[in-house]
């Protein structure tokens, strides 16, 4: 008889089977394998943030397009545009996620853009937080 384990993804029941790869790709020779769905969701979100629309094959709309905003003045309107693009991308490509908190904050003194968000996986109610700092280094 089949049964459902509440709060657990079926892919997580076999910890010896890899689900995806970690970001950044800095392992010597091979990628670092990811074995849990919650960790892979986090890396997929980071990939979405760092990808430009048109960069991903067969998914031309995938990506936040940060490079488009790279030399913009970090005033209220460009930040609001980034927030709207982020929320629209999450709704389109991550239908099993709900963004709880989104904070995009420019740090002019260090030429850094900080993106922090908390999300919840709807099917498992697992919450996590991601912070990405994009700077000139």
N, C-alpha and C. Protein backbone atom coordinates (compact mmCIF):
# COMPACT_ATOMS: atom_id res chain seq x y z
N UNK A 1 0.84 -1.17 0.00
CA UNK A 1 0.00 0.00 0.00
C UNK A 1 0.89 1.24 0.00
N UNK A 2 0.56 2.17 -0.86
CA UNK A 2 1.33 3.42 -0.96
C UNK A 2 0.89 4.37 0.14
N UNK A 3 1.85 5.13 0.63
CA UNK A 3 1.52 6.14 1.62
C UNK A 3 2.37 7.38 1.37
N UNK A 4 1.89 8.51 1.85
CA UNK A 4 2.57 9.78 1.62
C UNK A 4 3.25 10.22 2.91
N UNK A 5 4.51 10.60 2.79
CA UNK A 5 5.24 11.10 3.94
C UNK A 5 5.09 12.61 3.93
N UNK A 6 4.43 13.15 4.92
CA UNK A 6 4.15 14.57 4.97
C UNK A 6 5.44 15.37 5.16
N UNK A 7 5.57 16.44 4.38
CA UNK A 7 6.71 17.32 4.52
C UNK A 7 8.00 16.80 3.91
N UNK A 8 7.92 15.77 3.10
CA UNK A 8 9.13 15.18 2.50
C UNK A 8 8.88 14.93 1.03
N UNK A 9 9.83 15.30 0.20
CA UNK A 9 9.74 15.06 -1.23
C UNK A 9 10.16 13.62 -1.51
N UNK A 10 9.54 13.00 -2.49
CA UNK A 10 9.84 11.61 -2.84
C UNK A 10 11.31 11.45 -3.24
N UNK A 11 11.88 12.46 -3.90
CA UNK A 11 13.27 12.38 -4.33
C UNK A 11 14.24 12.34 -3.14
N UNK A 12 13.80 12.82 -1.99
CA UNK A 12 14.66 12.83 -0.81
C UNK A 12 14.69 11.49 -0.08
N UNK A 13 13.89 10.54 -0.50
CA UNK A 13 13.85 9.24 0.17
C UNK A 13 15.05 8.37 -0.16
N UNK A 14 15.78 8.69 -1.22
CA UNK A 14 16.99 7.95 -1.60
C UNK A 14 18.20 8.88 -1.50
N UNK A 15 18.84 8.96 -0.35
CA UNK A 15 19.95 9.90 -0.17
C UNK A 15 21.21 9.56 -0.97
N UNK A 16 21.23 8.41 -1.61
CA UNK A 16 22.40 8.01 -2.40
C UNK A 16 22.29 8.41 -3.87
N UNK A 17 21.15 8.99 -4.26
CA UNK A 17 20.94 9.39 -5.66
C UNK A 17 21.00 10.91 -5.76
N UNK A 18 21.88 11.39 -6.64
CA UNK A 18 22.03 12.83 -6.85
C UNK A 18 20.85 13.41 -7.60
N UNK A 19 20.49 14.65 -7.25
CA UNK A 19 19.36 15.33 -7.87
C UNK A 19 19.83 16.41 -8.83
N UNK A 20 20.94 17.06 -8.52
CA UNK A 20 21.42 18.15 -9.35
C UNK A 20 22.84 18.52 -8.99
N UNK A 21 23.23 19.74 -9.36
CA UNK A 21 24.59 20.21 -9.09
C UNK A 21 24.55 21.51 -8.31
N UNK A 22 25.60 21.75 -7.55
CA UNK A 22 25.71 22.95 -6.73
C UNK A 22 26.32 24.09 -7.51
N UNK A 23 26.02 25.30 -7.07
CA UNK A 23 26.62 26.51 -7.62
C UNK A 23 27.43 27.13 -6.50
N UNK A 24 28.61 27.61 -6.71
CA UNK A 24 29.32 27.81 -7.97
C UNK A 24 29.99 26.53 -8.44
N UNK A 25 30.32 26.52 -9.72
CA UNK A 25 30.98 25.36 -10.33
C UNK A 25 32.48 25.50 -10.13
N UNK A 26 32.95 25.26 -8.93
CA UNK A 26 34.37 25.44 -8.68
C UNK A 26 35.06 24.19 -8.16
N UNK A 27 34.48 23.05 -8.34
CA UNK A 27 35.12 21.80 -7.95
C UNK A 27 36.14 21.40 -9.01
N UNK A 28 37.26 20.87 -8.62
CA UNK A 28 38.25 20.47 -9.63
C UNK A 28 37.79 19.24 -10.40
N UNK A 29 37.58 19.42 -11.69
CA UNK A 29 37.27 18.29 -12.56
C UNK A 29 35.82 17.90 -12.67
N UNK A 30 35.06 17.93 -11.60
CA UNK A 30 33.65 17.53 -11.64
C UNK A 30 32.82 18.50 -10.83
N UNK A 31 31.52 18.45 -11.03
CA UNK A 31 30.60 19.28 -10.26
C UNK A 31 30.34 18.62 -8.91
N UNK A 32 29.96 19.43 -7.93
CA UNK A 32 29.55 18.88 -6.63
C UNK A 32 28.08 18.49 -6.75
N UNK A 33 27.77 17.27 -6.43
CA UNK A 33 26.41 16.74 -6.55
C UNK A 33 25.57 17.15 -5.35
N UNK A 34 24.31 17.44 -5.60
CA UNK A 34 23.34 17.79 -4.56
C UNK A 34 22.40 16.61 -4.39
N UNK A 35 22.10 16.26 -3.14
CA UNK A 35 21.31 15.07 -2.86
C UNK A 35 19.93 15.34 -2.26
N UNK A 36 19.59 16.60 -1.99
CA UNK A 36 18.27 16.90 -1.43
C UNK A 36 17.56 17.93 -2.30
N UNK A 37 16.25 17.83 -2.34
CA UNK A 37 15.47 18.76 -3.17
C UNK A 37 15.52 20.18 -2.61
N UNK A 38 15.55 20.32 -1.30
CA UNK A 38 15.58 21.68 -0.73
C UNK A 38 16.86 22.40 -1.10
N UNK A 39 17.98 21.69 -1.10
CA UNK A 39 19.25 22.30 -1.51
C UNK A 39 19.25 22.61 -3.01
N UNK A 40 18.67 21.73 -3.82
CA UNK A 40 18.63 21.97 -5.26
C UNK A 40 17.72 23.14 -5.61
N UNK A 41 16.62 23.31 -4.89
CA UNK A 41 15.74 24.45 -5.11
C UNK A 41 16.50 25.75 -4.87
N UNK A 42 17.29 25.77 -3.80
CA UNK A 42 18.09 26.96 -3.50
C UNK A 42 19.06 27.28 -4.63
N UNK A 43 19.74 26.26 -5.16
CA UNK A 43 20.68 26.50 -6.26
C UNK A 43 19.96 26.89 -7.54
N UNK A 44 18.76 26.37 -7.77
CA UNK A 44 17.98 26.78 -8.93
C UNK A 44 17.58 28.26 -8.83
N UNK A 45 17.25 28.71 -7.64
CA UNK A 45 16.91 30.12 -7.43
C UNK A 45 18.12 31.01 -7.66
N UNK A 46 19.27 30.60 -7.16
CA UNK A 46 20.50 31.37 -7.39
C UNK A 46 20.80 31.43 -8.88
N UNK A 47 20.61 30.31 -9.58
CA UNK A 47 20.81 30.27 -11.02
C UNK A 47 19.87 31.24 -11.72
N UNK A 48 18.62 31.31 -11.28
CA UNK A 48 17.65 32.24 -11.86
C UNK A 48 18.12 33.68 -11.68
N UNK A 49 18.62 34.02 -10.50
CA UNK A 49 19.06 35.39 -10.23
C UNK A 49 20.26 35.77 -11.09
N UNK A 50 21.18 34.84 -11.28
CA UNK A 50 22.41 35.14 -12.00
C UNK A 50 22.32 34.98 -13.51
N UNK A 51 21.17 34.52 -14.02
CA UNK A 51 20.99 34.30 -15.45
C UNK A 51 20.26 35.48 -16.08
N UNK A 52 20.63 35.80 -17.31
CA UNK A 52 19.95 36.84 -18.08
C UNK A 52 18.91 36.20 -19.00
N UNK A 53 17.77 36.87 -19.21
CA UNK A 53 16.81 36.35 -20.18
C UNK A 53 17.47 36.16 -21.54
N UNK A 54 17.17 35.04 -22.18
CA UNK A 54 17.77 34.72 -23.47
C UNK A 54 19.02 33.88 -23.37
N UNK A 55 19.53 33.70 -22.18
CA UNK A 55 20.77 32.95 -21.98
C UNK A 55 20.53 31.45 -21.89
N UNK A 56 19.38 31.04 -21.45
CA UNK A 56 19.09 29.62 -21.26
C UNK A 56 18.40 29.06 -22.50
N UNK A 57 18.91 27.96 -22.98
CA UNK A 57 18.38 27.33 -24.19
C UNK A 57 16.95 26.83 -23.92
N UNK A 58 16.05 27.10 -24.84
CA UNK A 58 14.65 26.70 -24.83
C UNK A 58 13.83 27.37 -23.73
N UNK A 59 14.42 28.26 -22.95
CA UNK A 59 13.70 29.04 -21.94
C UNK A 59 14.14 30.49 -22.05
N UNK A 60 13.74 31.21 -23.11
CA UNK A 60 14.27 32.56 -23.35
C UNK A 60 13.88 33.58 -22.29
N UNK A 61 12.83 33.34 -21.53
CA UNK A 61 12.41 34.30 -20.51
C UNK A 61 13.01 34.03 -19.15
N UNK A 62 13.73 32.92 -19.00
CA UNK A 62 14.28 32.53 -17.70
C UNK A 62 15.42 33.46 -17.31
N UNK A 63 15.39 33.97 -16.10
CA UNK A 63 16.48 34.79 -15.59
C UNK A 63 16.01 36.14 -15.12
N UNK A 64 16.70 36.68 -14.13
CA UNK A 64 16.34 37.98 -13.57
C UNK A 64 16.88 39.12 -14.42
N UNK A 65 18.02 38.94 -15.06
CA UNK A 65 18.58 39.98 -15.92
C UNK A 65 19.25 41.10 -15.14
N UNK A 66 20.06 40.74 -14.17
CA UNK A 66 20.75 41.76 -13.38
C UNK A 66 21.70 42.61 -14.21
N UNK A 67 22.31 42.02 -15.24
CA UNK A 67 23.25 42.80 -16.06
C UNK A 67 22.57 43.98 -16.74
N UNK A 68 21.29 43.84 -17.00
CA UNK A 68 20.51 44.92 -17.59
C UNK A 68 20.49 46.14 -16.66
N UNK A 69 20.56 45.88 -15.36
CA UNK A 69 20.51 46.95 -14.35
C UNK A 69 21.88 47.33 -13.81
N UNK A 70 22.92 46.79 -14.41
CA UNK A 70 24.26 46.92 -13.85
C UNK A 70 24.71 48.36 -13.69
N UNK A 71 24.49 49.20 -14.68
CA UNK A 71 24.98 50.56 -14.62
C UNK A 71 23.86 51.58 -14.39
N UNK A 72 22.71 51.10 -13.95
CA UNK A 72 21.61 51.99 -13.59
C UNK A 72 21.92 52.66 -12.25
N UNK A 73 21.38 53.84 -12.06
CA UNK A 73 21.44 54.45 -10.75
C UNK A 73 20.54 53.62 -9.83
N UNK A 74 21.04 53.24 -8.69
CA UNK A 74 20.27 52.38 -7.80
C UNK A 74 19.29 53.21 -6.98
N UNK A 75 18.33 53.76 -7.69
CA UNK A 75 17.28 54.56 -7.07
C UNK A 75 16.05 53.68 -6.87
N UNK A 76 14.96 54.29 -6.48
CA UNK A 76 13.74 53.54 -6.16
C UNK A 76 13.18 52.79 -7.36
N UNK A 77 13.07 53.41 -8.53
CA UNK A 77 12.44 52.78 -9.68
C UNK A 77 13.19 51.54 -10.18
N UNK A 78 14.52 51.58 -10.38
CA UNK A 78 15.20 50.34 -10.81
C UNK A 78 15.07 49.21 -9.79
N UNK A 79 15.06 49.52 -8.50
CA UNK A 79 14.89 48.49 -7.47
C UNK A 79 13.49 47.90 -7.56
N UNK A 80 12.48 48.74 -7.77
CA UNK A 80 11.11 48.24 -7.92
C UNK A 80 10.97 47.38 -9.16
N UNK A 81 11.64 47.76 -10.25
CA UNK A 81 11.62 46.96 -11.48
C UNK A 81 12.25 45.58 -11.24
N UNK A 82 13.37 45.55 -10.51
CA UNK A 82 14.00 44.26 -10.18
C UNK A 82 13.08 43.40 -9.34
N UNK A 83 12.42 44.01 -8.36
CA UNK A 83 11.49 43.26 -7.51
C UNK A 83 10.34 42.68 -8.33
N UNK A 84 9.79 43.47 -9.27
CA UNK A 84 8.71 42.98 -10.11
C UNK A 84 9.17 41.84 -11.01
N UNK A 85 10.36 41.98 -11.62
CA UNK A 85 10.89 40.91 -12.47
C UNK A 85 11.16 39.66 -11.65
N UNK A 86 11.66 39.83 -10.44
CA UNK A 86 11.93 38.68 -9.56
C UNK A 86 10.63 37.94 -9.25
N UNK A 87 9.62 38.68 -8.81
CA UNK A 87 8.34 38.05 -8.44
C UNK A 87 7.67 37.40 -9.65
N UNK A 88 7.73 38.05 -10.81
CA UNK A 88 7.14 37.46 -12.02
C UNK A 88 7.88 36.19 -12.43
N UNK A 89 9.21 36.18 -12.31
CA UNK A 89 9.99 34.99 -12.65
C UNK A 89 9.72 33.84 -11.70
N UNK A 90 9.56 34.13 -10.43
CA UNK A 90 9.26 33.08 -9.45
C UNK A 90 7.89 32.48 -9.77
N UNK A 91 6.91 33.32 -10.06
CA UNK A 91 5.57 32.83 -10.40
C UNK A 91 5.59 31.99 -11.67
N UNK A 92 6.41 32.36 -12.64
CA UNK A 92 6.44 31.66 -13.92
C UNK A 92 7.24 30.35 -13.88
N UNK A 93 8.38 30.36 -13.19
CA UNK A 93 9.29 29.22 -13.28
C UNK A 93 9.40 28.39 -12.01
N UNK A 94 8.91 28.90 -10.89
CA UNK A 94 8.97 28.16 -9.63
C UNK A 94 7.58 28.15 -9.00
N UNK A 95 6.69 27.43 -9.62
CA UNK A 95 5.28 27.47 -9.21
C UNK A 95 5.04 26.83 -7.85
N UNK A 96 5.99 26.04 -7.36
CA UNK A 96 5.84 25.38 -6.07
C UNK A 96 6.41 26.22 -4.93
N UNK A 97 6.82 27.46 -5.23
CA UNK A 97 7.43 28.32 -4.22
C UNK A 97 6.58 29.54 -3.94
N UNK A 98 6.67 30.02 -2.72
CA UNK A 98 6.03 31.26 -2.32
C UNK A 98 7.11 32.14 -1.69
N UNK A 99 7.31 33.33 -2.24
CA UNK A 99 8.28 34.26 -1.66
C UNK A 99 7.60 34.96 -0.50
N UNK A 100 8.21 34.83 0.67
CA UNK A 100 7.63 35.42 1.88
C UNK A 100 8.16 36.83 2.07
N UNK A 101 9.48 36.99 1.99
CA UNK A 101 10.12 38.29 2.17
C UNK A 101 11.12 38.49 1.04
N UNK A 102 11.11 39.66 0.42
CA UNK A 102 12.08 40.01 -0.62
C UNK A 102 12.64 41.37 -0.28
N UNK A 103 13.97 41.44 -0.21
CA UNK A 103 14.63 42.71 0.10
C UNK A 103 15.79 42.89 -0.87
N UNK A 104 15.69 43.89 -1.73
CA UNK A 104 16.77 44.25 -2.64
C UNK A 104 17.30 45.59 -2.18
N UNK A 105 18.55 45.57 -1.75
CA UNK A 105 19.11 46.76 -1.13
C UNK A 105 20.44 47.14 -1.76
N UNK A 106 20.52 48.34 -2.32
CA UNK A 106 21.81 48.82 -2.82
C UNK A 106 22.68 49.29 -1.65
N UNK A 107 23.98 49.02 -1.75
CA UNK A 107 24.96 49.51 -0.77
C UNK A 107 25.95 50.35 -1.56
N UNK A 108 25.67 51.66 -1.71
CA UNK A 108 26.47 52.51 -2.60
C UNK A 108 27.94 52.64 -2.21
N UNK A 109 28.24 52.60 -0.91
CA UNK A 109 29.62 52.78 -0.46
C UNK A 109 30.56 51.70 -0.99
N UNK A 110 30.03 50.49 -1.19
CA UNK A 110 30.87 49.39 -1.66
C UNK A 110 30.48 48.92 -3.06
N UNK A 111 29.60 49.68 -3.74
CA UNK A 111 29.12 49.30 -5.07
C UNK A 111 28.56 47.88 -5.07
N UNK A 112 27.72 47.59 -4.11
CA UNK A 112 27.17 46.26 -3.92
C UNK A 112 25.65 46.32 -3.99
N UNK A 113 25.07 45.28 -4.56
CA UNK A 113 23.63 45.09 -4.55
C UNK A 113 23.36 43.81 -3.77
N UNK A 114 22.59 43.92 -2.72
CA UNK A 114 22.28 42.77 -1.87
C UNK A 114 20.84 42.33 -2.12
N UNK A 115 20.67 41.06 -2.46
CA UNK A 115 19.35 40.48 -2.66
C UNK A 115 19.16 39.41 -1.60
N UNK A 116 18.16 39.60 -0.74
CA UNK A 116 17.85 38.63 0.31
C UNK A 116 16.37 38.30 0.20
N UNK A 117 16.06 37.02 0.23
CA UNK A 117 14.66 36.63 0.21
C UNK A 117 14.46 35.34 0.98
N UNK A 118 13.28 35.25 1.56
CA UNK A 118 12.85 34.05 2.26
C UNK A 118 11.73 33.44 1.44
N UNK A 119 11.79 32.14 1.25
CA UNK A 119 10.77 31.47 0.46
C UNK A 119 10.30 30.22 1.19
N UNK A 120 9.14 29.74 0.74
CA UNK A 120 8.56 28.53 1.31
C UNK A 120 8.20 27.59 0.17
N UNK A 121 8.55 26.32 0.32
CA UNK A 121 8.15 25.30 -0.64
C UNK A 121 6.73 24.88 -0.26
N UNK A 122 5.79 25.14 -1.14
CA UNK A 122 4.38 24.95 -0.82
C UNK A 122 4.04 23.49 -0.49
N UNK A 123 4.59 22.54 -1.22
CA UNK A 123 4.23 21.14 -1.02
C UNK A 123 4.78 20.55 0.27
N UNK A 124 5.87 21.11 0.79
CA UNK A 124 6.48 20.54 2.00
C UNK A 124 6.51 21.50 3.18
N UNK A 125 6.14 22.76 2.95
CA UNK A 125 6.18 23.82 3.97
C UNK A 125 7.58 24.08 4.52
N UNK A 126 8.60 23.74 3.77
CA UNK A 126 9.98 24.01 4.18
C UNK A 126 10.31 25.45 3.80
N UNK A 127 10.85 26.20 4.75
CA UNK A 127 11.26 27.58 4.50
C UNK A 127 12.77 27.68 4.49
N UNK A 128 13.28 28.59 3.67
CA UNK A 128 14.72 28.82 3.59
C UNK A 128 14.96 30.27 3.18
N UNK A 129 16.19 30.72 3.35
CA UNK A 129 16.55 32.08 3.00
C UNK A 129 17.79 32.07 2.13
N UNK A 130 17.82 32.97 1.15
CA UNK A 130 18.97 33.10 0.25
C UNK A 130 19.42 34.56 0.29
N UNK A 131 20.73 34.77 0.38
CA UNK A 131 21.32 36.10 0.28
C UNK A 131 22.40 36.07 -0.77
N UNK A 132 22.30 37.00 -1.71
CA UNK A 132 23.32 37.12 -2.76
C UNK A 132 23.80 38.57 -2.77
N UNK A 133 25.10 38.75 -2.66
CA UNK A 133 25.69 40.08 -2.77
C UNK A 133 26.45 40.16 -4.08
N UNK A 134 26.07 41.11 -4.90
CA UNK A 134 26.71 41.29 -6.20
C UNK A 134 27.52 42.58 -6.10
N UNK A 135 28.84 42.43 -6.32
CA UNK A 135 29.70 43.60 -6.21
C UNK A 135 30.66 43.65 -7.40
N UNK A 136 31.56 44.61 -7.36
CA UNK A 136 32.46 44.78 -8.49
C UNK A 136 33.71 43.91 -8.38
N UNK A 137 33.75 43.00 -7.43
CA UNK A 137 34.92 42.13 -7.24
C UNK A 137 34.75 40.84 -7.78
